């Protein structure tokens, strides 16, 4: 970020110097008034001792103010109250001469209002009035309200000069503050754009925790019960040998973008993409309980399998005739999750035996198949229809592993199924009634009716 404007480098330095210069002008006004008044006979020469006091006082209190350890606001209030005392003594020392006294009160009110607000101005003026009363009672100085023209001109001139210069200094400060705020806003917007760009390299849930300050960016891990999901595209390697690099890249990015949207919709934490493989886990950083996490993972897998039908229609329209099917494996168990790597380069991921099993299940699945472990099955069997596929031997596991094939949600089976799919030569349809919006329903009915009429009238 750019450096602060000089006037803003220190809160006391910026406002303090303005107050310092304003105070010098105010006391200079009083000194000039006394000097001219003594010369013209308005005041006695005995009052001339106040001139060196008025000229030295601002510098002395400024020096002491910098040496104090008190808060800036307290120092400012004390100095203003002392100014009130000096104004009260000064007014009585010049015998309540009308114009100079009025100018002193005006200067005091203006300075205290600018630097402390209405309450400060009231206290300062009250201090000045109290000092006047006390000084009058103690010393009983002579009072002469009339003011010689020369004294009045000097008082008004220096007071006006003080007020104008102070107002100009405030104007400059406002300009600097406005420029600084604009600079801060630009830097904030830049940081926001940068954070959004960086967020694309992290799962949204993890990114949000980091930028909210709820997760420390350091090497640390923990054990948690997670549901782990792996998937890849069956036949993708063969397809990559047939397509040009640009077409393959477009296909892969489209596929990963659509799968990511589905994963995030179901609350999954996207771990990584490796080619056409996708790794997602449920239960960290947020969890809804092991059962709900497992059901969300299987619901996501079913949703992905259905959505592949839609993608297949798009790809076939682009001239890709090779059928592409997704295969998936899901397992639930205790994993180690957190930041792995080095202090300068970390990866938020999960490791463990249960992660390996989910990967093995994905490798064992057929095209379009979702295989789950017994642990996952026990958590989802109430809402998900599964077929027992017996036991398989898995590399890295000494005993055979019981697996199940996911069919669909129990609510979507039978006559109440939410989707219909059918495909023969020259005809392909995938209808998911749960995904159709109310305002699209009539358009879908019209399209099906038009297709049925064309097929009915066609002589084959």
Protein backbone atom coordinates (compact mmCIF):
# COMPACT_ATOMS: atom_id res chain seq x y z
CA UNK A 1 0.00 0.00 0.00
CA UNK A 2 1.17 3.54 -0.65
CA UNK A 3 2.52 5.59 2.23
CA UNK A 4 0.21 7.90 4.10
CA UNK A 5 0.13 11.59 3.23
CA UNK A 6 2.57 13.48 5.49
CA UNK A 7 -0.29 15.28 7.21
CA UNK A 8 -1.70 11.91 8.30
CA UNK A 9 1.50 10.20 9.41
CA UNK A 10 0.68 10.88 13.07
CA UNK A 11 -2.72 11.70 14.53
CA UNK A 12 -1.24 14.16 17.02
CA UNK A 13 1.31 15.50 14.55
CA UNK A 14 -1.30 16.41 11.92
CA UNK A 15 -3.95 17.95 14.17
CA UNK A 16 -1.37 19.02 16.78
CA UNK A 17 0.64 21.18 14.37
CA UNK A 18 -2.53 22.83 13.11
CA UNK A 19 -3.58 23.58 16.70
CA UNK A 20 -0.02 24.75 17.45
CA UNK A 21 0.01 27.27 14.60
CA UNK A 22 -3.53 28.37 15.40
CA UNK A 23 -2.58 28.88 19.05
CA UNK A 24 0.47 30.97 18.03
CA UNK A 25 -1.75 33.24 15.91
CA UNK A 26 -4.32 33.58 18.71
CA UNK A 27 -1.74 34.61 21.30
CA UNK A 28 -0.01 36.82 18.74
CA UNK A 29 -3.37 38.57 18.27
CA UNK A 30 -3.53 39.27 21.98
CA UNK A 31 0.11 40.49 22.06
CA UNK A 32 -0.48 42.82 19.09
CA UNK A 33 -3.66 44.12 20.70
CA UNK A 34 -1.83 44.92 23.96
CA UNK A 35 1.09 46.56 22.12
CA UNK A 36 -1.16 48.78 19.99
CA UNK A 37 -3.46 49.51 22.94
CA UNK A 38 -0.52 50.58 25.13
CA UNK A 39 0.84 52.76 22.32
CA UNK A 40 -2.53 54.44 21.75
CA UNK A 41 -3.24 54.83 25.45
CA UNK A 42 -5.99 52.20 25.64
CA UNK A 43 -3.97 50.21 28.22
CA UNK A 44 -1.26 51.05 30.73
CA UNK A 45 2.38 50.18 30.07
CA UNK A 46 2.24 47.87 33.08
CA UNK A 47 0.32 45.43 30.85
CA UNK A 48 3.28 45.01 28.47
CA UNK A 49 4.56 42.03 30.52
CA UNK A 50 1.78 39.97 28.92
CA UNK A 51 3.40 40.33 25.46
CA UNK A 52 6.42 38.03 26.09
CA UNK A 53 4.13 35.64 27.95
CA UNK A 54 1.74 35.49 24.95
CA UNK A 55 4.62 34.95 22.53
CA UNK A 56 6.33 32.21 24.58
CA UNK A 57 3.32 30.32 25.99
CA UNK A 58 2.30 28.41 22.77
CA UNK A 59 5.84 27.07 22.30
CA UNK A 60 6.20 26.00 25.92
CA UNK A 61 2.92 24.07 26.07
CA UNK A 62 3.60 22.46 22.66
CA UNK A 63 6.98 21.22 23.91
CA UNK A 64 5.42 19.85 27.10
CA UNK A 65 2.57 18.23 25.16
CA UNK A 66 5.01 16.14 23.11
CA UNK A 67 6.74 14.93 26.27
CA UNK A 68 3.62 13.78 28.08
CA UNK A 69 2.47 10.18 28.04
CA UNK A 70 -1.20 11.06 28.32
CA UNK A 71 -3.63 10.21 25.49
CA UNK A 72 -3.85 12.75 22.67
CA UNK A 73 -7.50 13.58 23.39
CA UNK A 74 -6.70 14.31 27.05
CA UNK A 75 -3.77 16.56 26.10
CA UNK A 76 -5.92 18.50 23.65
CA UNK A 77 -8.68 19.00 26.25
CA UNK A 78 -6.20 20.18 28.89
CA UNK A 79 -4.61 22.69 26.49
CA UNK A 80 -8.01 24.07 25.52
CA UNK A 81 -9.01 24.47 29.17
CA UNK A 82 -5.72 26.29 29.83
CA UNK A 83 -6.51 28.52 26.86
CA UNK A 84 -9.86 29.23 28.50
CA UNK A 85 -8.09 30.25 31.72
CA UNK A 86 -5.67 32.52 29.78
CA UNK A 87 -8.54 34.11 27.84
CA UNK A 88 -10.41 34.80 31.07
CA UNK A 89 -7.34 36.45 32.65
CA UNK A 90 -6.59 38.31 29.41
CA UNK A 91 -10.10 39.73 29.14
CA UNK A 92 -10.00 41.03 32.69
CA UNK A 93 -6.44 42.37 32.28
CA UNK A 94 -7.58 44.56 29.36
CA UNK A 95 -10.56 45.76 31.39
CA UNK A 96 -13.27 43.95 29.39
CA UNK A 97 -12.55 46.15 26.38
CA UNK A 98 -15.46 45.21 24.11
CA UNK A 99 -13.92 44.43 20.70
CA UNK A 100 -10.69 42.68 21.84
CA UNK A 101 -12.63 40.71 24.46
CA UNK A 102 -15.20 39.65 21.86
CA UNK A 103 -12.43 38.60 19.45
CA UNK A 104 -10.69 36.55 22.16
CA UNK A 105 -13.93 34.74 22.99
CA UNK A 106 -14.64 34.18 19.27
CA UNK A 107 -11.17 32.71 18.72
CA UNK A 108 -11.49 30.47 21.78
CA UNK A 109 -14.95 29.25 20.75
CA UNK A 110 -13.80 28.54 17.19
CA UNK A 111 -10.68 26.62 18.30
CA UNK A 112 -12.50 24.52 20.90
CA UNK A 113 -15.38 23.76 18.51
CA UNK A 114 -13.02 22.61 15.75
CA UNK A 115 -10.79 20.53 18.01
CA UNK A 116 -13.26 19.18 20.55
CA UNK A 117 -16.83 19.68 19.43
CA UNK A 118 -19.80 21.36 21.09
CA UNK A 119 -19.21 19.90 24.54
CA UNK A 120 -15.59 21.01 24.54
CA UNK A 121 -16.58 24.50 23.40
CA UNK A 122 -19.10 24.78 26.22
CA UNK A 123 -16.58 23.67 28.85
CA UNK A 124 -13.88 26.00 27.51
CA UNK A 125 -16.16 29.04 27.43
CA UNK A 126 -17.40 28.15 30.90
CA UNK A 127 -13.78 28.00 32.08
CA UNK A 128 -13.11 31.43 30.55
CA UNK A 129 -16.22 32.92 32.19
CA UNK A 130 -15.36 31.36 35.56
CA UNK A 131 -11.83 32.73 35.32
CA UNK A 132 -13.18 36.21 34.52
CA UNK A 133 -15.41 36.15 37.58
CA UNK A 134 -12.64 34.83 39.84
CA UNK A 135 -10.08 37.35 38.53
CA UNK A 136 -12.57 40.22 38.89
CA UNK A 137 -13.38 39.27 42.47
CA UNK A 138 -9.74 38.79 43.41
CA UNK A 139 -8.02 41.74 41.69
CA UNK A 140 -10.93 44.12 41.01
CA UNK A 141 -9.34 45.48 37.79
CA UNK A 142 -10.68 48.71 36.20
CA UNK A 143 -13.30 48.18 33.49
CA UNK A 144 -13.49 50.29 30.33
CA UNK A 145 -15.71 48.79 27.63
CA UNK A 146 -15.05 51.34 24.90
CA UNK A 147 -12.46 50.43 22.29
CA UNK A 148 -10.19 52.80 20.35
CA UNK A 149 -10.50 52.37 16.55
CA UNK A 150 -6.84 51.34 16.15
CA UNK A 151 -7.16 48.63 18.81
CA UNK A 152 -10.41 47.38 17.26
CA UNK A 153 -8.86 47.18 13.77
CA UNK A 154 -5.83 45.24 15.03
CA UNK A 155 -7.99 42.83 17.03
CA UNK A 156 -10.40 42.18 14.16
CA UNK A 157 -7.61 41.86 11.58
CA UNK A 158 -5.54 39.31 13.51
CA UNK A 159 -8.61 37.37 14.59
CA UNK A 160 -9.88 37.18 11.00
CA UNK A 161 -6.39 36.13 9.83
CA UNK A 162 -6.28 33.40 12.47
CA UNK A 163 -9.73 32.07 11.57
CA UNK A 164 -9.01 32.13 7.83
CA UNK A 165 -5.66 30.38 8.14
CA UNK A 166 -7.14 27.76 10.48
CA UNK A 167 -10.04 27.18 8.09
CA UNK A 168 -7.58 26.82 5.20
CA UNK A 169 -5.53 24.30 7.19
CA UNK A 170 -8.69 22.32 7.90
CA UNK A 171 -9.55 22.45 4.19
CA UNK A 172 -6.14 21.00 3.31
CA UNK A 173 -6.56 18.30 5.93
CA UNK A 174 -9.97 17.37 4.54
CA UNK A 175 -8.47 17.11 1.05
CA UNK A 176 -5.71 14.84 2.35
CA UNK A 177 -8.20 12.70 4.26
CA UNK A 178 -10.45 12.39 1.20
CA UNK A 179 -7.50 11.42 -0.99
CA UNK A 180 -6.36 8.89 1.60
CA UNK A 181 -9.84 7.39 1.86
CA UNK A 182 -9.98 7.05 -1.91
CA UNK A 183 -6.58 5.39 -1.83
CA UNK A 184 -7.71 3.00 0.92
CA UNK A 185 -10.87 2.17 -1.02
CA UNK A 186 -8.85 1.43 -4.17
CA UNK A 187 -6.43 -0.75 -2.22
CA UNK A 188 -9.36 -2.53 -0.57
CA UNK A 189 -11.00 -3.19 -3.94
CA UNK A 190 -7.68 -4.42 -5.30
CA UNK A 191 -7.23 -6.71 -2.31
CA UNK A 192 -10.80 -7.94 -2.77
CA UNK A 193 -10.18 -8.80 -6.42
CA UNK A 194 -6.92 -10.50 -5.50
CA UNK A 195 -8.55 -12.52 -2.74
CA UNK A 196 -11.30 -13.60 -5.15
CA UNK A 197 -8.66 -14.76 -7.62
CA UNK A 198 -6.74 -16.62 -4.92
CA UNK A 199 -9.99 -18.18 -3.69
CA UNK A 200 -10.21 -20.13 -6.94
CA UNK A 201 -7.21 -22.16 -5.80
CA UNK A 202 -8.97 -23.17 -2.56
CA UNK A 203 -12.25 -24.75 -1.69
CA UNK A 204 -14.74 -21.92 -0.93
CA UNK A 205 -15.36 -23.21 2.60
CA UNK A 206 -11.64 -23.17 3.45
CA UNK A 207 -11.09 -19.79 1.79
CA UNK A 208 -13.93 -18.23 3.77
CA UNK A 209 -12.56 -19.52 7.07
CA UNK A 210 -9.09 -18.15 6.30
CA UNK A 211 -10.28 -14.71 5.22
CA UNK A 212 -12.68 -14.49 8.15
CA UNK A 213 -9.75 -15.17 10.46
CA UNK A 214 -11.32 -18.35 11.87
CA UNK A 215 -8.57 -20.67 10.60
CA UNK A 216 -4.82 -20.27 11.04
CA UNK A 217 -2.62 -20.75 7.98
CA UNK A 218 -0.06 -23.06 9.53
CA UNK A 219 0.93 -26.70 9.43
CA UNK A 220 -1.66 -28.45 11.58
CA UNK A 221 -3.95 -31.45 11.20
CA UNK A 222 -6.71 -33.24 13.07
CA UNK A 223 -8.58 -36.51 12.98
CA UNK A 224 -12.20 -36.32 11.86
CA UNK A 225 -14.83 -38.67 10.54
CA UNK A 226 -15.32 -37.78 6.88
CA UNK A 227 -17.08 -39.11 3.83
CA UNK A 228 -14.68 -39.20 0.89
CA UNK A 229 -15.68 -39.17 -2.79
CA UNK A 230 -13.62 -39.97 -5.90
CA UNK A 231 -14.72 -39.92 -9.53
CA UNK A 232 -13.32 -40.01 -13.03
CA UNK A 233 -14.58 -40.38 -16.60
CA UNK A 234 -14.54 -43.91 -18.02
CA UNK A 235 -12.82 -43.88 -21.40
CA UNK A 236 -11.31 -40.41 -21.02
CA UNK A 237 -7.78 -41.64 -21.79
CA UNK A 238 -8.89 -43.11 -25.12
CA UNK A 239 -10.85 -39.94 -25.91
CA UNK A 240 -7.79 -37.79 -25.25
CA UNK A 241 -5.97 -39.64 -28.01
CA UNK A 242 -8.72 -38.80 -30.53
CA UNK A 243 -9.45 -35.13 -29.80
CA UNK A 244 -7.34 -32.07 -30.45
CA UNK A 245 -5.84 -30.49 -27.34
CA UNK A 246 -8.12 -27.42 -27.54
CA UNK A 247 -11.31 -29.50 -27.85
CA UNK A 248 -10.19 -31.81 -25.06
CA UNK A 249 -9.39 -28.85 -22.80
CA UNK A 250 -12.80 -27.30 -23.43
CA UNK A 251 -14.55 -30.60 -22.71
CA UNK A 252 -12.59 -31.19 -19.51
CA UNK A 253 -13.09 -27.66 -18.19
CA UNK A 254 -16.83 -27.86 -18.89
CA UNK A 255 -17.05 -31.19 -17.08
CA UNK A 256 -15.07 -30.03 -14.04
CA UNK A 257 -17.00 -26.75 -13.82
CA UNK A 258 -20.35 -28.55 -13.82
CA UNK A 259 -19.20 -31.16 -11.29
CA UNK A 260 -17.81 -28.41 -9.03
CA UNK A 261 -21.15 -26.62 -9.01
CA UNK A 262 -22.91 -29.81 -7.97
CA UNK A 263 -20.32 -30.52 -5.26
CA UNK A 264 -20.70 -27.04 -3.78
CA UNK A 265 -24.49 -27.24 -3.98
CA UNK A 266 -24.40 -30.30 -1.73
CA UNK A 267 -21.87 -28.77 0.67
CA UNK A 268 -18.81 -30.76 -0.37
CA UNK A 269 -15.24 -29.54 0.08
CA UNK A 270 -13.42 -29.88 -3.24
CA UNK A 271 -9.98 -31.25 -2.51
CA UNK A 272 -8.38 -31.43 -5.94
CA UNK A 273 -8.66 -32.14 -9.65
CA UNK A 274 -6.19 -34.53 -11.26
CA UNK A 275 -6.90 -34.69 -14.96
CA UNK A 276 -10.49 -35.92 -15.19
CA UNK A 277 -10.48 -37.15 -11.57
CA UNK A 278 -12.34 -35.29 -8.86
CA UNK A 279 -11.80 -35.65 -5.11
CA UNK A 280 -14.39 -34.22 -2.70
CA UNK A 281 -14.94 -34.80 1.01
CA UNK A 282 -17.73 -34.03 3.47
CA UNK A 283 -17.42 -33.29 7.19
CA UNK A 284 -14.77 -30.56 7.19
CA UNK A 285 -14.45 -27.65 7.69
CA UNK A 286 -18.19 -27.79 8.44
CA UNK A 287 -20.17 -30.88 9.30
CA UNK A 288 -23.84 -31.72 9.70
CA UNK A 289 -23.10 -34.99 11.42
CA UNK A 290 -21.70 -38.19 9.95
CA UNK A 291 -25.08 -39.43 8.72
CA UNK A 292 -26.06 -36.22 6.95
CA UNK A 293 -22.55 -35.83 5.52
CA UNK A 294 -22.70 -39.34 4.03
CA UNK A 295 -26.18 -38.77 2.60
CA UNK A 296 -25.05 -35.46 1.08
CA UNK A 297 -22.06 -37.20 -0.56
CA UNK A 298 -24.24 -39.94 -2.10
CA UNK A 299 -26.87 -37.37 -3.17
CA UNK A 300 -24.08 -35.44 -4.89
CA UNK A 301 -22.90 -38.59 -6.69
CA UNK A 302 -26.44 -39.34 -7.92
CA UNK A 303 -26.82 -35.74 -9.07
CA UNK A 304 -23.50 -35.92 -10.95
CA UNK A 305 -24.50 -39.17 -12.65
CA UNK A 306 -27.78 -37.64 -13.80
CA UNK A 307 -26.08 -34.46 -14.99
CA UNK A 308 -23.68 -36.48 -17.15
CA UNK A 309 -26.71 -37.25 -19.34
CA UNK A 310 -27.12 -33.54 -20.00
CA UNK A 311 -23.40 -33.08 -20.72
CA UNK A 312 -23.43 -36.09 -23.03
CA UNK A 313 -26.16 -34.44 -25.12
CA UNK A 314 -24.01 -31.29 -25.44
CA UNK A 315 -20.87 -33.21 -26.34
CA UNK A 316 -22.64 -35.34 -28.92
CA UNK A 317 -23.94 -32.15 -30.56
CA UNK A 318 -20.27 -31.08 -30.81
CA UNK A 319 -19.41 -34.26 -32.73
CA UNK A 320 -18.10 -36.42 -29.85
CA UNK A 321 -19.64 -39.83 -30.47
CA UNK A 322 -17.75 -41.80 -27.86
CA UNK A 323 -20.07 -42.30 -24.86
CA UNK A 324 -18.63 -40.85 -21.69
CA UNK A 325 -19.74 -42.15 -18.32
CA UNK A 326 -18.68 -41.19 -14.84
CA UNK A 327 -17.67 -43.79 -12.25
CA UNK A 328 -17.56 -43.02 -8.54
CA UNK A 329 -16.44 -44.43 -5.22
CA UNK A 330 -17.47 -43.29 -1.72
CA UNK A 331 -16.25 -44.29 1.72
CA UNK A 332 -16.79 -43.01 5.27
CA UNK A 333 -14.25 -43.20 8.07
CA UNK A 334 -11.71 -41.37 10.18
CA UNK A 335 -9.15 -39.37 8.18
CA UNK A 336 -6.39 -36.91 8.94
CA UNK A 337 -7.37 -33.50 7.57
CA UNK A 338 -5.51 -30.18 7.58
CA UNK A 339 -2.56 -28.34 6.09
CA UNK A 340 0.25 -30.51 4.77
CA UNK A 341 3.52 -29.49 3.17
CA UNK A 342 6.01 -26.78 4.08
CA UNK A 343 5.69 -23.45 5.85
CA UNK A 344 6.00 -21.69 2.48
CA UNK A 345 3.77 -24.03 0.44
CA UNK A 346 0.80 -25.82 1.97
CA UNK A 347 -1.94 -28.05 0.66
CA UNK A 348 -5.24 -28.43 2.49
CA UNK A 349 -6.13 -32.08 2.00
CA UNK A 350 -6.92 -35.38 3.68
CA UNK A 351 -4.91 -38.58 4.04
CA UNK A 352 -5.46 -41.99 5.55
CA UNK A 353 -6.61 -45.53 4.97
CA UNK A 354 -10.24 -44.53 4.39
CA UNK A 355 -9.18 -42.11 1.63
CA UNK A 356 -7.35 -44.94 -0.12
CA UNK A 357 -10.43 -47.15 0.09
CA UNK A 358 -12.64 -44.53 -1.56
CA UNK A 359 -10.10 -44.27 -4.39
CA UNK A 360 -10.03 -48.08 -4.79
CA UNK A 361 -13.83 -48.21 -4.96
CA UNK A 362 -13.80 -45.63 -7.74
CA UNK A 363 -11.28 -47.72 -9.69
CA UNK A 364 -13.45 -50.83 -9.21
CA UNK A 365 -16.66 -49.15 -10.40
CA UNK A 366 -18.07 -49.67 -13.88
CA UNK A 367 -19.15 -46.83 -16.16
CA UNK A 368 -22.09 -44.98 -14.62
CA UNK A 369 -21.74 -46.90 -11.35
CA UNK A 370 -21.50 -45.56 -7.80
CA UNK A 371 -19.84 -47.94 -5.33
CA UNK A 372 -19.94 -47.29 -1.60
CA UNK A 373 -18.43 -49.04 1.40
CA UNK A 374 -20.40 -50.75 4.15
CA UNK A 375 -19.73 -47.83 6.53
CA UNK A 376 -21.33 -45.39 4.09
CA UNK A 377 -24.15 -47.81 3.30
CA UNK A 378 -25.10 -48.08 6.98
CA UNK A 379 -25.52 -44.28 7.10
CA UNK A 380 -27.54 -43.81 3.89
CA UNK A 381 -29.60 -47.04 3.55
CA UNK A 382 -32.74 -45.39 4.95
CA UNK A 383 -32.99 -42.90 2.09
CA UNK A 384 -30.86 -44.50 -0.66
CA UNK A 385 -31.65 -47.77 -2.44
CA UNK A 386 -28.50 -49.88 -2.81
CA UNK A 387 -27.65 -53.33 -4.19
CA UNK A 388 -25.35 -55.68 -2.35
CA UNK A 389 -22.39 -56.45 -4.62
CA UNK A 390 -20.63 -58.75 -2.24
CA UNK A 391 -16.99 -58.46 -1.27
CA UNK A 392 -13.98 -57.49 -3.31
CA UNK A 393 -10.28 -57.70 -2.68
CA UNK A 394 -8.75 -54.27 -2.42
CA UNK A 395 -5.04 -53.53 -2.70
CA UNK A 396 -3.63 -52.44 0.64
CA UNK A 397 -6.39 -54.12 2.67
CA UNK A 398 -5.76 -57.53 4.18
CA UNK A 399 -9.43 -58.54 4.25
CA UNK A 400 -12.08 -58.39 1.52
CA UNK A 401 -14.22 -55.26 1.54
CA UNK A 402 -18.02 -55.32 1.44
CA UNK A 403 -19.36 -52.96 -1.22
CA UNK A 404 -22.75 -51.74 -2.43
CA UNK A 405 -24.00 -50.23 -5.66
CA UNK A 406 -26.09 -47.06 -5.38
CA UNK A 407 -29.34 -47.26 -7.30
CA UNK A 408 -31.22 -44.06 -6.48
CA UNK A 409 -33.19 -42.27 -3.80
CA UNK A 410 -35.98 -44.48 -2.54
CA UNK A 411 -38.44 -41.65 -3.15
CA UNK A 412 -37.52 -41.56 -6.85
CA UNK A 413 -38.01 -45.26 -7.53
CA UNK A 414 -41.11 -46.76 -9.08
CA UNK A 415 -44.01 -44.71 -10.39
CA UNK A 416 -42.95 -41.64 -8.47
CA UNK A 417 -39.55 -41.40 -10.18
CA UNK A 418 -38.50 -37.82 -10.85
CA UNK A 419 -36.65 -38.57 -14.06
CA UNK A 420 -37.16 -40.44 -17.33
CA UNK A 421 -34.41 -41.36 -19.79
CA UNK A 422 -34.55 -43.20 -23.08
CA UNK A 423 -32.16 -43.47 -25.99
CA UNK A 424 -32.33 -45.27 -29.38
CA UNK A 425 -30.89 -44.51 -32.79
CA UNK A 426 -32.18 -41.04 -33.75
CA UNK A 427 -33.74 -40.32 -30.35
CA UNK A 428 -32.33 -39.36 -26.97
CA UNK A 429 -34.20 -37.98 -23.97
CA UNK A 430 -33.33 -37.24 -20.36
CA UNK A 431 -36.11 -35.65 -18.31
CA UNK A 432 -35.57 -34.61 -14.69
CA UNK A 433 -38.81 -33.17 -13.36
CA UNK A 434 -37.15 -31.93 -10.17
CA UNK A 435 -34.86 -29.64 -12.17
CA UNK A 436 -37.52 -28.06 -14.39
CA UNK A 437 -38.69 -24.63 -13.26
CA UNK A 438 -42.39 -23.76 -13.23
CA UNK A 439 -42.01 -21.18 -15.99
CA UNK A 440 -40.25 -23.77 -18.23
CA UNK A 441 -42.82 -26.50 -17.74
CA UNK A 442 -45.12 -25.40 -20.60
CA UNK A 443 -42.18 -25.01 -23.00
CA UNK A 444 -41.06 -28.59 -22.26
CA UNK A 445 -44.59 -29.92 -22.80
CA UNK A 446 -44.81 -28.07 -26.14
CA UNK A 447 -41.43 -29.46 -27.25
CA UNK A 448 -42.45 -33.04 -26.37
CA UNK A 449 -45.80 -32.61 -28.09
CA UNK A 450 -44.16 -31.24 -31.24
CA UNK A 451 -41.67 -34.12 -31.30
CA UNK A 452 -44.46 -36.67 -30.83
CA UNK A 453 -46.52 -35.16 -33.69
CA UNK A 454 -43.55 -35.18 -36.07
CA UNK A 455 -42.81 -38.81 -35.22
CA UNK A 456 -46.51 -39.78 -35.59
CA UNK A 457 -46.81 -38.16 -39.04
CA UNK A 458 -43.50 -39.53 -40.31
CA UNK A 459 -43.83 -42.52 -42.65
CA UNK A 460 -41.02 -44.94 -41.77
